[in-house]
Amino acid sequence: MDQNNETEFEEWEKDVEYLVGILKESFESTDARFSVDDLNDILYVELEGLDEYSEEEVIEIAEPILDVIELDFEDVILLPL
């Protein structure tokens, strides 16, 4: 991997980790992790305690965050950890 691609990847990874951190804080989770499905361009974010929220609450909390963060994923899927 050349230096430009490596730098871009590191910046992208920081952006994803920042998003996961904001979601973790917003849902008052004690643990979070993420994975990326490159083939389908989907980001999966697993959050501890997410199952304590209704679907409507999840949408209400996550939608404004996902609208502001400019990551180029086809979809972001939140899952309980």
PDB file of N, CA and C in Angstrom:
ATOM      1  N   MET A   1       0.860  -1.168   0.000  1.00  0.00           N
ATOM      2  CA  MET A   1       0.000   0.000   0.000  1.00  0.00           C
ATOM      3  C   MET A   1       0.905   1.229   0.000  1.00  0.00           C
ATOM      4  N   ASP A   2       0.654   2.147  -0.938  1.00  0.00           N
ATOM      5  CA  ASP A   2       1.505   3.328  -0.955  1.00  0.00           C
ATOM      6  C   ASP A   2       1.095   4.303   0.152  1.00  0.00           C
ATOM      7  N   GLN A   3       1.921   5.287   0.369  1.00  0.00           N
ATOM      8  CA  GLN A   3       1.741   6.212   1.498  1.00  0.00           C
ATOM      9  C   GLN A   3       0.406   6.940   1.442  1.00  0.00           C
ATOM     10  N   ASN A   4      -0.027   7.405   0.260  1.00  0.00           N
ATOM     11  CA  ASN A   4      -1.302   8.121   0.142  1.00  0.00           C
ATOM     12  C   ASN A   4      -2.475   7.229   0.514  1.00  0.00           C
ATOM     13  N   ASN A   5      -2.478   5.997  -0.003  1.00  0.00           N
ATOM     14  CA  ASN A   5      -3.569   5.077   0.315  1.00  0.00           C
ATOM     15  C   ASN A   5      -3.565   4.713   1.793  1.00  0.00           C
ATOM     16  N   GLU A   6      -2.387   4.545   2.363  1.00  0.00           N
ATOM     17  CA  GLU A   6      -2.287   4.214   3.781  1.00  0.00           C
ATOM     18  C   GLU A   6      -2.803   5.371   4.634  1.00  0.00           C
ATOM     19  N   THR A   7      -2.454   6.589   4.268  1.00  0.00           N
ATOM     20  CA  THR A   7      -2.922   7.771   5.000  1.00  0.00           C
ATOM     21  C   THR A   7      -4.435   7.903   4.878  1.00  0.00           C
ATOM     22  N   GLU A   8      -4.970   7.707   3.684  1.00  0.00           N
ATOM     23  CA  GLU A   8      -6.423   7.772   3.476  1.00  0.00           C
ATOM     24  C   GLU A   8      -7.134   6.714   4.308  1.00  0.00           C
ATOM     25  N   PHE A   9      -6.577   5.517   4.335  1.00  0.00           N
ATOM     26  CA  PHE A   9      -7.184   4.452   5.122  1.00  0.00           C
ATOM     27  C   PHE A   9      -7.166   4.793   6.607  1.00  0.00           C
ATOM     28  N   GLU A  10      -6.056   5.324   7.100  1.00  0.00           N
ATOM     29  CA  GLU A  10      -5.964   5.708   8.511  1.00  0.00           C
ATOM     30  C   GLU A  10      -6.979   6.795   8.853  1.00  0.00           C
ATOM     31  N   GLU A  11      -7.163   7.762   7.971  1.00  0.00           N
ATOM     32  CA  GLU A  11      -8.151   8.824   8.194  1.00  0.00           C
ATOM     33  C   GLU A  11      -9.570   8.251   8.189  1.00  0.00           C
ATOM     34  N   TRP A  12      -9.832   7.360   7.234  1.00  0.00           N
ATOM     35  CA  TRP A  12     -11.140   6.720   7.160  1.00  0.00           C
ATOM     36  C   TRP A  12     -11.409   5.933   8.438  1.00  0.00           C
ATOM     37  N   GLU A  13     -10.398   5.188   8.895  1.00  0.00           N
ATOM     38  CA  GLU A  13     -10.553   4.387  10.114  1.00  0.00           C
ATOM     39  C   GLU A  13     -10.809   5.286  11.326  1.00  0.00           C
ATOM     40  N   LYS A  14     -10.146   6.407  11.411  1.00  0.00           N
ATOM     41  CA  LYS A  14     -10.384   7.360  12.507  1.00  0.00           C
ATOM     42  C   LYS A  14     -11.820   7.881  12.454  1.00  0.00           C
ATOM     43  N   ASP A  15     -12.313   8.174  11.245  1.00  0.00           N
ATOM     44  CA  ASP A  15     -13.688   8.652  11.087  1.00  0.00           C
ATOM     45  C   ASP A  15     -14.691   7.601  11.549  1.00  0.00           C
ATOM     46  N   VAL A  16     -14.448   6.343  11.194  1.00  0.00           N
ATOM     47  CA  VAL A  16     -15.348   5.259  11.600  1.00  0.00           C
ATOM     48  C   VAL A  16     -15.311   5.099  13.126  1.00  0.00           C
ATOM     49  N   GLU A  17     -14.116   5.118  13.701  1.00  0.00           N
ATOM     50  CA  GLU A  17     -13.986   4.994  15.153  1.00  0.00           C
ATOM     51  C   GLU A  17     -14.649   6.172  15.869  1.00  0.00           C
ATOM     52  N   TYR A  18     -14.565   7.366  15.289  1.00  0.00           N
ATOM     53  CA  TYR A  18     -15.231   8.545  15.849  1.00  0.00           C
ATOM     54  C   TYR A  18     -16.746   8.342  15.846  1.00  0.00           C
ATOM     55  N   LEU A  19     -17.281   7.868  14.727  1.00  0.00           N
ATOM     56  CA  LEU A  19     -18.718   7.596  14.631  1.00  0.00           C
ATOM     57  C   LEU A  19     -19.139   6.563  15.670  1.00  0.00           C
ATOM     58  N   VAL A  20     -18.397   5.480  15.775  1.00  0.00           N
ATOM     59  CA  VAL A  20     -18.721   4.429  16.743  1.00  0.00           C
ATOM     60  C   VAL A  20     -18.672   4.995  18.163  1.00  0.00           C
ATOM     61  N   GLY A  21     -17.705   5.845  18.450  1.00  0.00           N
ATOM     62  CA  GLY A  21     -17.601   6.475  19.763  1.00  0.00           C
ATOM     63  C   GLY A  21     -18.803   7.354  20.080  1.00  0.00           C
ATOM     64  N   ILE A  22     -19.240   8.131  19.096  1.00  0.00           N
ATOM     65  CA  ILE A  22     -20.419   8.985  19.297  1.00  0.00           C
ATOM     66  C   ILE A  22     -21.658   8.128  19.537  1.00  0.00           C
ATOM     67  N   LEU A  23     -21.834   7.080  18.751  1.00  0.00           N
ATOM     68  CA  LEU A  23     -22.985   6.190  18.941  1.00  0.00           C
ATOM     69  C   LEU A  23     -22.917   5.509  20.302  1.00  0.00           C
ATOM     70  N   LYS A  24     -21.739   5.071  20.693  1.00  0.00           N
ATOM     71  CA  LYS A  24     -21.553   4.429  21.998  1.00  0.00           C
ATOM     72  C   LYS A  24     -21.970   5.378  23.118  1.00  0.00           C
ATOM     73  N   GLU A  25     -21.533   6.609  23.023  1.00  0.00           N
ATOM     74  CA  GLU A  25     -21.878   7.615  24.031  1.00  0.00           C
ATOM     75  C   GLU A  25     -23.374   7.930  23.999  1.00  0.00           C
ATOM     76  N   SER A  26     -23.930   8.070  22.824  1.00  0.00           N
ATOM     77  CA  SER A  26     -25.347   8.429  22.678  1.00  0.00           C
ATOM     78  C   SER A  26     -26.279   7.367  23.233  1.00  0.00           C
ATOM     79  N   PHE A  27     -25.877   6.110  23.118  1.00  0.00           N
ATOM     80  CA  PHE A  27     -26.693   5.012  23.627  1.00  0.00           C
ATOM     81  C   PHE A  27     -26.231   4.544  25.003  1.00  0.00           C
ATOM     82  N   GLU A  28     -25.324   5.311  25.608  1.00  0.00           N
ATOM     83  CA  GLU A  28     -24.807   5.020  26.949  1.00  0.00           C
ATOM     84  C   GLU A  28     -24.302   3.582  27.050  1.00  0.00           C
ATOM     85  N   SER A  29     -23.621   3.147  26.016  1.00  0.00           N
ATOM     86  CA  SER A  29     -23.080   1.793  25.962  1.00  0.00           C
ATOM     87  C   SER A  29     -21.730   1.729  26.677  1.00  0.00           C
ATOM     88  N   THR A  30     -21.473   0.608  27.303  1.00  0.00           N
ATOM     89  CA  THR A  30     -20.171   0.413  27.935  1.00  0.00           C
ATOM     90  C   THR A  30     -19.188  -0.260  26.982  1.00  0.00           C
ATOM     91  N   ASP A  31     -19.700  -0.837  25.900  1.00  0.00           N
ATOM     92  CA  ASP A  31     -18.836  -1.508  24.940  1.00  0.00           C
ATOM     93  C   ASP A  31     -19.419  -1.357  23.539  1.00  0.00           C
ATOM     94  N   ALA A  32     -18.549  -1.284  22.561  1.00  0.00           N
ATOM     95  CA  ALA A  32     -18.977  -1.183  21.165  1.00  0.00           C
ATOM     96  C   ALA A  32     -17.887  -1.752  20.280  1.00  0.00           C
ATOM     97  N   ARG A  33     -18.304  -2.249  19.140  1.00  0.00           N
ATOM     98  CA  ARG A  33     -17.343  -2.698  18.137  1.00  0.00           C
ATOM     99  C   ARG A  33     -18.014  -2.570  16.769  1.00  0.00           C
ATOM    100  N   PHE A  34     -17.183  -2.605  15.749  1.00  0.00           N
ATOM    101  CA  PHE A  34     -17.731  -2.462  14.407  1.00  0.00           C
ATOM    102  C   PHE A  34     -17.042  -3.424  13.456  1.00  0.00           C
ATOM    103  N   SER A  35     -17.720  -3.681  12.360  1.00  0.00           N
ATOM    104  CA  SER A  35     -17.139  -4.443  11.265  1.00  0.00           C
ATOM    105  C   SER A  35     -17.679  -3.868   9.965  1.00  0.00           C
ATOM    106  N   VAL A  36     -16.925  -4.101   8.912  1.00  0.00           N
ATOM    107  CA  VAL A  36     -17.284  -3.553   7.611  1.00  0.00           C
ATOM    108  C   VAL A  36     -17.448  -4.687   6.613  1.00  0.00           C
ATOM    109  N   ASP A  37     -18.553  -4.668   5.903  1.00  0.00           N
ATOM    110  CA  ASP A  37     -18.793  -5.577   4.788  1.00  0.00           C
ATOM    111  C   ASP A  37     -18.418  -4.804   3.529  1.00  0.00           C
ATOM    112  N   ASP A  38     -17.179  -4.978   3.076  1.00  0.00           N
ATOM    113  CA  ASP A  38     -16.679  -4.231   1.919  1.00  0.00           C
ATOM    114  C   ASP A  38     -17.454  -4.543   0.642  1.00  0.00           C
ATOM    115  N   LEU A  39     -17.850  -5.790   0.496  1.00  0.00           N
ATOM    116  CA  LEU A  39     -18.540  -6.204  -0.718  1.00  0.00           C
ATOM    117  C   LEU A  39     -19.856  -5.445  -0.895  1.00  0.00           C
ATOM    118  N   ASN A  40     -20.603  -5.288   0.208  1.00  0.00           N
ATOM    119  CA  ASN A  40     -21.895  -4.613   0.153  1.00  0.00           C
ATOM    120  C   ASN A  40     -21.841  -3.182   0.662  1.00  0.00           C
ATOM    121  N   ASP A  41     -20.657  -2.729   1.080  1.00  0.00           N
ATOM    122  CA  ASP A  41     -20.443  -1.368   1.560  1.00  0.00           C
ATOM    123  C   ASP A  41     -21.350  -1.030   2.749  1.00  0.00           C
ATOM    124  N   ILE A  42     -21.339  -1.939   3.743  1.00  0.00           N
ATOM    125  CA  ILE A  42     -22.180  -1.783   4.932  1.00  0.00           C
ATOM    126  C   ILE A  42     -21.292  -1.742   6.165  1.00  0.00           C
ATOM    127  N   LEU A  43     -21.606  -0.817   7.055  1.00  0.00           N
ATOM    128  CA  LEU A  43     -20.938  -0.721   8.346  1.00  0.00           C
ATOM    129  C   LEU A  43     -21.873  -1.296   9.401  1.00  0.00           C
ATOM    130  N   TYR A  44     -21.393  -2.286  10.131  1.00  0.00           N
ATOM    131  CA  TYR A  44     -22.143  -2.873  11.240  1.00  0.00           C
ATOM    132  C   TYR A  44     -21.544  -2.339  12.539  1.00  0.00           C
ATOM    133  N   VAL A  45     -22.400  -1.770  13.380  1.00  0.00           N
ATOM    134  CA  VAL A  45     -21.951  -1.258  14.671  1.00  0.00           C
ATOM    135  C   VAL A  45     -22.727  -2.006  15.752  1.00  0.00           C
ATOM    136  N   GLU A  46     -21.985  -2.702  16.602  1.00  0.00           N
ATOM    137  CA  GLU A  46     -22.591  -3.431  17.712  1.00  0.00           C
ATOM    138  C   GLU A  46     -22.414  -2.602  18.979  1.00  0.00           C
ATOM    139  N   LEU A  47     -23.527  -2.381  19.679  1.00  0.00           N
ATOM    140  CA  LEU A  47     -23.519  -1.553  20.881  1.00  0.00           C
ATOM    141  C   LEU A  47     -24.115  -2.322  22.044  1.00  0.00           C
ATOM    142  N   GLU A  48     -23.382  -2.346  23.154  1.00  0.00           N
ATOM    143  CA  GLU A  48     -23.885  -2.979  24.371  1.00  0.00           C
ATOM    144  C   GLU A  48     -25.076  -2.157  24.863  1.00  0.00           C
ATOM    145  N   GLY A  49     -26.160  -2.841  25.187  1.00  0.00           N
ATOM    146  CA  GLY A  49     -27.347  -2.186  25.728  1.00  0.00           C
ATOM    147  C   GLY A  49     -28.309  -1.649  24.689  1.00  0.00           C
ATOM    148  N   LEU A  50     -27.998  -1.816  23.416  1.00  0.00           N
ATOM    149  CA  LEU A  50     -28.885  -1.295  22.367  1.00  0.00           C
ATOM    150  C   LEU A  50     -30.267  -1.931  22.445  1.00  0.00           C
ATOM    151  N   ASP A  51     -30.319  -3.186  22.894  1.00  0.00           N
ATOM    152  CA  ASP A  51     -31.602  -3.893  22.970  1.00  0.00           C
ATOM    153  C   ASP A  51     -32.530  -3.313  24.042  1.00  0.00           C
ATOM    154  N   GLU A  52     -32.035  -2.386  24.842  1.00  0.00           N
ATOM    155  CA  GLU A  52     -32.876  -1.731  25.846  1.00  0.00           C
ATOM    156  C   GLU A  52     -33.687  -0.579  25.254  1.00  0.00           C
ATOM    157  N   TYR A  53     -33.426  -0.245  23.996  1.00  0.00           N
ATOM    158  CA  TYR A  53     -34.120   0.844  23.317  1.00  0.00           C
ATOM    159  C   TYR A  53     -35.116   0.278  22.316  1.00  0.00           C
ATOM    160  N   SER A  54     -36.240   0.976  22.167  1.00  0.00           N
ATOM    161  CA  SER A  54     -37.203   0.584  21.139  1.00  0.00           C
ATOM    162  C   SER A  54     -36.649   0.983  19.774  1.00  0.00           C
ATOM    163  N   GLU A  55     -37.204   0.420  18.737  1.00  0.00           N
ATOM    164  CA  GLU A  55     -36.769   0.751  17.381  1.00  0.00           C
ATOM    165  C   GLU A  55     -36.923   2.245  17.106  1.00  0.00           C
ATOM    166  N   GLU A  56     -38.011   2.817  17.589  1.00  0.00           N
ATOM    167  CA  GLU A  56     -38.255   4.245  17.398  1.00  0.00           C
ATOM    168  C   GLU A  56     -37.194   5.084  18.109  1.00  0.00           C
ATOM    169  N   GLU A  57     -36.815   4.682  19.317  1.00  0.00           N
ATOM    170  CA  GLU A  57     -35.782   5.405  20.058  1.00  0.00           C
ATOM    171  C   GLU A  57     -34.433   5.309  19.356  1.00  0.00           C
ATOM    172  N   VAL A  58     -34.126   4.136  18.834  1.00  0.00           N
ATOM    173  CA  VAL A  58     -32.866   3.955  18.113  1.00  0.00           C
ATOM    174  C   VAL A  58     -32.814   4.897  16.915  1.00  0.00           C
ATOM    175  N   ILE A  59     -33.884   4.951  16.157  1.00  0.00           N
ATOM    176  CA  ILE A  59     -33.949   5.828  14.995  1.00  0.00           C
ATOM    177  C   ILE A  59     -33.836   7.286  15.424  1.00  0.00           C
ATOM    178  N   GLU A  60     -34.562   7.654  16.465  1.00  0.00           N
ATOM    179  CA  GLU A  60     -34.557   9.036  16.956  1.00  0.00           C
ATOM    180  C   GLU A  60     -33.160   9.479  17.393  1.00  0.00           C
ATOM    181  N   ILE A  61     -32.415   8.587  18.012  1.00  0.00           N
ATOM    182  CA  ILE A  61     -31.071   8.922  18.500  1.00  0.00           C
ATOM    183  C   ILE A  61     -30.040   8.855  17.369  1.00  0.00           C
ATOM    184  N   ALA A  62     -30.091   7.804  16.570  1.00  0.00           N
ATOM    185  CA  ALA A  62     -29.032   7.558  15.585  1.00  0.00           C
ATOM    186  C   ALA A  62     -29.170   8.372  14.302  1.00  0.00           C
ATOM    187  N   GLU A  63     -30.383   8.624  13.858  1.00  0.00           N
ATOM    188  CA  GLU A  63     -30.574   9.275  12.562  1.00  0.00           C
ATOM    189  C   GLU A  63     -29.868  10.634  12.447  1.00  0.00           C
ATOM    190  N   PRO A  64     -30.012  11.520  13.435  1.00  0.00           N
ATOM    191  CA  PRO A  64     -29.310  12.812  13.306  1.00  0.00           C
ATOM    192  C   PRO A  64     -27.782  12.657  13.268  1.00  0.00           C
ATOM    193  N   ILE A  65     -27.261  11.690  13.988  1.00  0.00           N
ATOM    194  CA  ILE A  65     -25.815  11.452  14.006  1.00  0.00           C
ATOM    195  C   ILE A  65     -25.362  10.964  12.635  1.00  0.00           C
ATOM    196  N   LEU A  66     -26.081  10.015  12.087  1.00  0.00           N
ATOM    197  CA  LEU A  66     -25.706   9.441  10.796  1.00  0.00           C
ATOM    198  C   LEU A  66     -25.884  10.444   9.659  1.00  0.00           C
ATOM    199  N   ASP A  67     -26.830  11.384   9.815  1.00  0.00           N
ATOM    200  CA  ASP A  67     -27.024  12.411   8.795  1.00  0.00           C
ATOM    201  C   ASP A  67     -25.854  13.391   8.755  1.00  0.00           C
ATOM    202  N   VAL A  68     -25.241  13.641   9.913  1.00  0.00           N
ATOM    203  CA  VAL A  68     -24.150  14.617  10.001  1.00  0.00           C
ATOM    204  C   VAL A  68     -22.812  14.011   9.603  1.00  0.00           C
ATOM    205  N   ILE A  69     -22.576  12.770  10.017  1.00  0.00           N
ATOM    206  CA  ILE A  69     -21.306  12.113   9.718  1.00  0.00           C
ATOM    207  C   ILE A  69     -21.292  11.734   8.242  1.00  0.00           C
ATOM    208  N   GLU A  70     -20.256  12.143   7.545  1.00  0.00           N
ATOM    209  CA  GLU A  70     -20.176  11.910   6.107  1.00  0.00           C
ATOM    210  C   GLU A  70     -19.238  10.758   5.783  1.00  0.00           C
ATOM    211  N   LEU A  71     -19.708   9.559   6.042  1.00  0.00           N
ATOM    212  CA  LEU A  71     -18.974   8.363   5.651  1.00  0.00           C
ATOM    213  C   LEU A  71     -19.700   7.746   4.469  1.00  0.00           C
ATOM    214  N   ASP A  72     -18.937   7.195   3.560  1.00  0.00           N
ATOM    215  CA  ASP A  72     -19.498   6.708   2.304  1.00  0.00           C
ATOM    216  C   ASP A  72     -19.863   5.226   2.395  1.00  0.00           C
ATOM    217  N   PHE A  73     -20.897   4.929   3.200  1.00  0.00           N
ATOM    218  CA  PHE A  73     -21.410   3.564   3.294  1.00  0.00           C
ATOM    219  C   PHE A  73     -22.795   3.530   2.675  1.00  0.00           C
ATOM    220  N   GLU A  74     -23.111   2.410   2.065  1.00  0.00           N
ATOM    221  CA  GLU A  74     -24.454   2.217   1.527  1.00  0.00           C
ATOM    222  C   GLU A  74     -25.465   2.179   2.679  1.00  0.00           C
ATOM    223  N   ASP A  75     -25.051   1.563   3.798  1.00  0.00           N
ATOM    224  CA  ASP A  75     -25.940   1.438   4.952  1.00  0.00           C
ATOM    225  C   ASP A  75     -25.106   1.297   6.222  1.00  0.00           C
ATOM    226  N   VAL A  76     -25.660   1.758   7.329  1.00  0.00           N
ATOM    227  CA  VAL A  76     -25.076   1.566   8.649  1.00  0.00           C
ATOM    228  C   VAL A  76     -26.114   0.811   9.463  1.00  0.00           C
ATOM    229  N   ILE A  77     -25.727  -0.349   9.969  1.00  0.00           N
ATOM    230  CA  ILE A  77     -26.664  -1.186  10.712  1.00  0.00           C
ATOM    231  C   ILE A  77     -26.202  -1.273  12.151  1.00  0.00           C
ATOM    232  N   LEU A  78     -27.119  -0.930  13.065  1.00  0.00           N
ATOM    233  CA  LEU A  78     -26.839  -0.999  14.495  1.00  0.00           C
ATOM    234  C   LEU A  78     -27.389  -2.306  15.034  1.00  0.00           C
ATOM    235  N   LEU A  79     -26.563  -2.983  15.818  1.00  0.00           N
ATOM    236  CA  LEU A  79     -26.930  -4.281  16.397  1.00  0.00           C
ATOM    237  C   LEU A  79     -26.601  -4.284  17.876  1.00  0.00           C
ATOM    238  N   PRO A  80     -27.383  -5.036  18.675  1.00  0.00           N
ATOM    239  CA  PRO A  80     -27.022  -5.172  20.090  1.00  0.00           C
ATOM    240  C   PRO A  80     -25.778  -6.056  20.235  1.00  0.00           C
ATOM    241  N   LEU A  81     -24.949  -5.728  21.207  1.00  0.00           N
ATOM    242  CA  LEU A  81     -23.734  -6.487  21.467  1.00  0.00           C
ATOM    243  C   LEU A  81     -23.997  -7.504  22.550  1.00  0.00           C
TER     244      LEU A  81
END
